[in-house]
Amino acid sequence: MIAPNMPRSADVELWLHCNGQRFELGQVGGETLILAKAEPIPCGEAIVETIIDGHSRRFPIGVIPAQSGESKRIKFSPAWAEEIQTD
């Protein structure tokens, strides 16, 4: 048990999976993903994975358009899945 007056930080990772590739995310919110670094991303079915203290959850977000790598921001239309995958 963690004492209530002791600070604690979670170990958090965010990833975008698309066409068999994995890209690090810096932020996810609303209908926007922000990549950790600007890089080209292929068009295709995409999944956001959150790993918090070693526990993975995956959220399908639908098809994203190809990204040229000029921007770190990706807009998507949520297709929040009927199923969420966890480890």
N, C-alpha and C. Protein backbone atom coordinates (compact mmCIF):
# COMPACT_ATOMS: atom_id res chain seq x y z
N MET A 1 0.84 -1.19 0.00
CA MET A 1 0.00 0.00 0.00
C MET A 1 0.88 1.24 0.00
N ILE A 2 0.47 2.23 -0.76
CA ILE A 2 1.21 3.49 -0.83
C ILE A 2 0.64 4.43 0.22
N ALA A 3 1.52 5.00 1.01
CA ALA A 3 1.08 5.95 2.03
C ALA A 3 0.44 7.15 1.36
N PRO A 4 -0.68 7.67 1.89
CA PRO A 4 -1.40 8.77 1.23
C PRO A 4 -0.60 10.06 1.10
N ASN A 5 0.42 10.26 1.93
CA ASN A 5 1.19 11.50 1.87
C ASN A 5 2.48 11.35 1.06
N MET A 6 2.67 10.21 0.40
CA MET A 6 3.87 9.97 -0.39
C MET A 6 3.57 10.21 -1.87
N PRO A 7 4.41 11.01 -2.55
CA PRO A 7 4.18 11.22 -3.98
C PRO A 7 4.44 9.94 -4.77
N ARG A 8 3.71 9.79 -5.86
CA ARG A 8 3.89 8.61 -6.72
C ARG A 8 3.60 9.01 -8.15
N SER A 9 4.43 8.56 -9.05
CA SER A 9 4.21 8.79 -10.48
C SER A 9 4.03 7.45 -11.17
N ALA A 10 3.11 7.40 -12.10
CA ALA A 10 2.92 6.20 -12.90
C ALA A 10 3.90 6.22 -14.07
N ASP A 11 4.31 5.05 -14.50
CA ASP A 11 5.13 4.91 -15.70
C ASP A 11 4.15 4.76 -16.86
N VAL A 12 4.09 5.77 -17.74
CA VAL A 12 3.08 5.80 -18.81
C VAL A 12 3.76 5.85 -20.17
N GLU A 13 3.29 4.98 -21.08
CA GLU A 13 3.73 5.00 -22.48
C GLU A 13 2.49 5.08 -23.35
N LEU A 14 2.58 5.82 -24.46
CA LEU A 14 1.51 5.93 -25.44
C LEU A 14 2.07 5.56 -26.81
N TRP A 15 1.35 4.68 -27.53
CA TRP A 15 1.83 4.22 -28.83
C TRP A 15 0.68 4.23 -29.84
N LEU A 16 1.03 4.49 -31.08
CA LEU A 16 0.12 4.35 -32.21
C LEU A 16 0.59 3.16 -33.03
N HIS A 17 -0.31 2.22 -33.29
CA HIS A 17 0.00 1.06 -34.13
C HIS A 17 -0.76 1.23 -35.43
N CYS A 18 -0.05 1.14 -36.57
CA CYS A 18 -0.68 1.27 -37.88
C CYS A 18 0.14 0.51 -38.91
N ASN A 19 -0.51 -0.37 -39.67
CA ASN A 19 0.15 -1.16 -40.72
C ASN A 19 1.39 -1.90 -40.22
N GLY A 20 1.30 -2.50 -39.05
CA GLY A 20 2.41 -3.29 -38.53
C GLY A 20 3.56 -2.48 -37.97
N GLN A 21 3.41 -1.17 -37.89
CA GLN A 21 4.46 -0.31 -37.34
C GLN A 21 3.96 0.33 -36.05
N ARG A 22 4.91 0.75 -35.22
CA ARG A 22 4.56 1.38 -33.94
C ARG A 22 5.24 2.75 -33.86
N PHE A 23 4.46 3.75 -33.45
CA PHE A 23 4.95 5.12 -33.37
C PHE A 23 4.67 5.67 -31.97
N GLU A 24 5.66 6.32 -31.38
CA GLU A 24 5.48 6.86 -30.04
C GLU A 24 4.60 8.11 -30.07
N LEU A 25 3.67 8.17 -29.14
CA LEU A 25 2.80 9.33 -29.00
C LEU A 25 3.22 10.16 -27.80
N GLY A 26 3.02 11.46 -27.93
CA GLY A 26 3.29 12.37 -26.82
C GLY A 26 2.02 12.69 -26.06
N GLN A 27 0.88 12.66 -26.78
CA GLN A 27 -0.39 13.04 -26.16
C GLN A 27 -1.55 12.48 -26.96
N VAL A 28 -2.65 12.17 -26.28
CA VAL A 28 -3.89 11.74 -26.91
C VAL A 28 -5.01 12.50 -26.24
N GLY A 29 -5.90 13.08 -27.04
CA GLY A 29 -7.03 13.78 -26.45
C GLY A 29 -8.07 14.12 -27.48
N GLY A 30 -9.33 13.95 -27.10
CA GLY A 30 -10.41 14.24 -28.03
C GLY A 30 -10.28 13.41 -29.29
N GLU A 31 -10.18 14.07 -30.41
CA GLU A 31 -10.02 13.40 -31.71
C GLU A 31 -8.66 13.72 -32.32
N THR A 32 -7.67 13.91 -31.44
CA THR A 32 -6.34 14.29 -31.89
C THR A 32 -5.27 13.45 -31.20
N LEU A 33 -4.31 13.01 -31.99
CA LEU A 33 -3.11 12.35 -31.48
C LEU A 33 -1.95 13.29 -31.74
N ILE A 34 -1.00 13.35 -30.84
CA ILE A 34 0.20 14.13 -31.08
C ILE A 34 1.38 13.18 -30.96
N LEU A 35 2.10 13.04 -32.07
CA LEU A 35 3.27 12.17 -32.09
C LEU A 35 4.39 12.74 -31.22
N ALA A 36 5.22 11.87 -30.67
CA ALA A 36 6.38 12.32 -29.90
C ALA A 36 7.36 13.07 -30.81
N LYS A 37 7.44 12.65 -32.08
CA LYS A 37 8.26 13.36 -33.06
C LYS A 37 7.55 13.28 -34.41
N ALA A 38 7.70 14.31 -35.20
CA ALA A 38 7.07 14.33 -36.53
C ALA A 38 7.74 13.28 -37.42
N GLU A 39 6.94 12.38 -37.97
CA GLU A 39 7.45 11.36 -38.87
C GLU A 39 6.32 10.87 -39.78
N PRO A 40 6.66 10.38 -40.97
CA PRO A 40 5.62 9.88 -41.87
C PRO A 40 4.92 8.66 -41.27
N ILE A 41 3.60 8.63 -41.43
CA ILE A 41 2.77 7.53 -40.94
C ILE A 41 1.94 7.03 -42.12
N PRO A 42 1.87 5.71 -42.34
CA PRO A 42 1.05 5.21 -43.44
C PRO A 42 -0.44 5.31 -43.12
N CYS A 43 -1.25 5.36 -44.15
CA CYS A 43 -2.70 5.33 -43.99
C CYS A 43 -3.10 3.92 -43.57
N GLY A 44 -4.13 3.82 -42.75
CA GLY A 44 -4.62 2.49 -42.41
C GLY A 44 -5.35 2.43 -41.09
N GLU A 45 -5.79 1.22 -40.78
CA GLU A 45 -6.45 0.97 -39.49
C GLU A 45 -5.44 1.26 -38.38
N ALA A 46 -5.89 1.97 -37.36
CA ALA A 46 -4.97 2.37 -36.30
C ALA A 46 -5.50 1.99 -34.93
N ILE A 47 -4.56 1.74 -34.04
CA ILE A 47 -4.86 1.40 -32.65
C ILE A 47 -3.96 2.24 -31.76
N VAL A 48 -4.55 2.81 -30.71
CA VAL A 48 -3.77 3.51 -29.69
C VAL A 48 -3.57 2.54 -28.54
N GLU A 49 -2.33 2.41 -28.10
CA GLU A 49 -2.01 1.55 -26.96
C GLU A 49 -1.52 2.42 -25.81
N THR A 50 -2.10 2.22 -24.64
CA THR A 50 -1.60 2.86 -23.43
C THR A 50 -0.98 1.77 -22.57
N ILE A 51 0.19 2.06 -22.04
CA ILE A 51 0.84 1.13 -21.11
C ILE A 51 1.08 1.93 -19.83
N ILE A 52 0.38 1.57 -18.79
CA ILE A 52 0.49 2.27 -17.52
C ILE A 52 0.98 1.28 -16.48
N ASP A 53 2.15 1.56 -15.95
CA ASP A 53 2.80 0.67 -14.98
C ASP A 53 2.81 -0.77 -15.47
N GLY A 54 3.11 -0.95 -16.77
CA GLY A 54 3.25 -2.27 -17.35
C GLY A 54 1.96 -2.93 -17.81
N HIS A 55 0.81 -2.28 -17.62
CA HIS A 55 -0.47 -2.85 -18.03
C HIS A 55 -0.92 -2.19 -19.34
N SER A 56 -1.09 -3.00 -20.37
CA SER A 56 -1.42 -2.51 -21.71
C SER A 56 -2.92 -2.55 -21.97
N ARG A 57 -3.41 -1.47 -22.61
CA ARG A 57 -4.78 -1.43 -23.13
C ARG A 57 -4.70 -0.88 -24.54
N ARG A 58 -5.48 -1.46 -25.45
CA ARG A 58 -5.48 -1.03 -26.85
C ARG A 58 -6.88 -0.58 -27.25
N PHE A 59 -6.93 0.56 -27.94
CA PHE A 59 -8.18 1.17 -28.36
C PHE A 59 -8.16 1.38 -29.87
N PRO A 60 -8.92 0.62 -30.64
CA PRO A 60 -9.00 0.87 -32.08
C PRO A 60 -9.61 2.25 -32.33
N ILE A 61 -9.02 3.02 -33.23
CA ILE A 61 -9.53 4.36 -33.51
C ILE A 61 -10.00 4.52 -34.95
N GLY A 62 -10.04 3.45 -35.71
CA GLY A 62 -10.49 3.53 -37.10
C GLY A 62 -9.34 3.77 -38.05
N VAL A 63 -9.67 4.23 -39.23
CA VAL A 63 -8.66 4.47 -40.27
C VAL A 63 -8.15 5.90 -40.16
N ILE A 64 -6.83 6.04 -40.16
CA ILE A 64 -6.24 7.38 -40.18
C ILE A 64 -5.66 7.65 -41.56
N PRO A 65 -5.64 8.92 -41.97
CA PRO A 65 -5.04 9.25 -43.27
C PRO A 65 -3.52 9.19 -43.17
N ALA A 66 -2.87 9.02 -44.30
CA ALA A 66 -1.40 9.03 -44.33
C ALA A 66 -0.90 10.40 -43.86
N GLN A 67 0.22 10.38 -43.16
CA GLN A 67 0.83 11.60 -42.64
C GLN A 67 2.17 11.81 -43.32
N SER A 68 2.45 13.04 -43.73
CA SER A 68 3.68 13.33 -44.46
C SER A 68 4.90 13.44 -43.57
N GLY A 69 4.70 13.66 -42.28
CA GLY A 69 5.82 13.85 -41.37
C GLY A 69 6.12 15.31 -41.11
N GLU A 70 5.36 16.21 -41.73
CA GLU A 70 5.56 17.65 -41.53
C GLU A 70 4.97 18.13 -40.21
N SER A 71 4.00 17.39 -39.68
CA SER A 71 3.33 17.77 -38.44
C SER A 71 3.31 16.59 -37.48
N LYS A 72 3.24 16.89 -36.19
CA LYS A 72 3.13 15.83 -35.19
C LYS A 72 1.66 15.53 -34.86
N ARG A 73 0.75 16.35 -35.37
CA ARG A 73 -0.67 16.24 -35.02
C ARG A 73 -1.43 15.38 -36.03
N ILE A 74 -2.23 14.42 -35.53
CA ILE A 74 -3.06 13.56 -36.38
C ILE A 74 -4.50 13.68 -35.90
N LYS A 75 -5.39 14.07 -36.78
CA LYS A 75 -6.82 14.10 -36.49
C LYS A 75 -7.43 12.78 -36.91
N PHE A 76 -8.40 12.29 -36.14
CA PHE A 76 -9.09 11.05 -36.50
C PHE A 76 -10.54 11.15 -36.07
N SER A 77 -11.36 10.32 -36.68
CA SER A 77 -12.77 10.21 -36.28
C SER A 77 -12.89 9.00 -35.38
N PRO A 78 -13.28 9.19 -34.14
CA PRO A 78 -13.31 8.05 -33.21
C PRO A 78 -14.21 6.93 -33.70
N ALA A 79 -13.69 5.74 -33.59
CA ALA A 79 -14.46 4.54 -33.90
C ALA A 79 -14.32 3.66 -32.68
N TRP A 80 -14.58 4.24 -31.52
CA TRP A 80 -14.33 3.51 -30.27
C TRP A 80 -14.99 2.16 -30.34
N ALA A 81 -14.16 1.20 -30.16
CA ALA A 81 -14.48 -0.19 -30.43
C ALA A 81 -15.48 -0.78 -29.46
N GLU A 82 -16.10 -1.82 -29.95
CA GLU A 82 -16.95 -2.62 -29.10
C GLU A 82 -16.08 -3.35 -28.08
N GLU A 83 -14.84 -3.57 -28.42
CA GLU A 83 -13.96 -4.31 -27.52
C GLU A 83 -12.69 -3.52 -27.28
N ILE A 84 -12.22 -3.57 -26.07
CA ILE A 84 -10.94 -2.97 -25.67
C ILE A 84 -10.06 -4.12 -25.24
N GLN A 85 -8.86 -4.17 -25.81
CA GLN A 85 -7.94 -5.26 -25.50
C GLN A 85 -7.07 -4.88 -24.31
N THR A 86 -6.95 -5.76 -23.33
CA THR A 86 -6.07 -5.53 -22.20
C THR A 86 -5.18 -6.73 -22.02
N ASP A 87 -4.06 -6.52 -21.33
CA ASP A 87 -3.18 -7.67 -21.06
C ASP A 87 -3.51 -8.31 -19.74
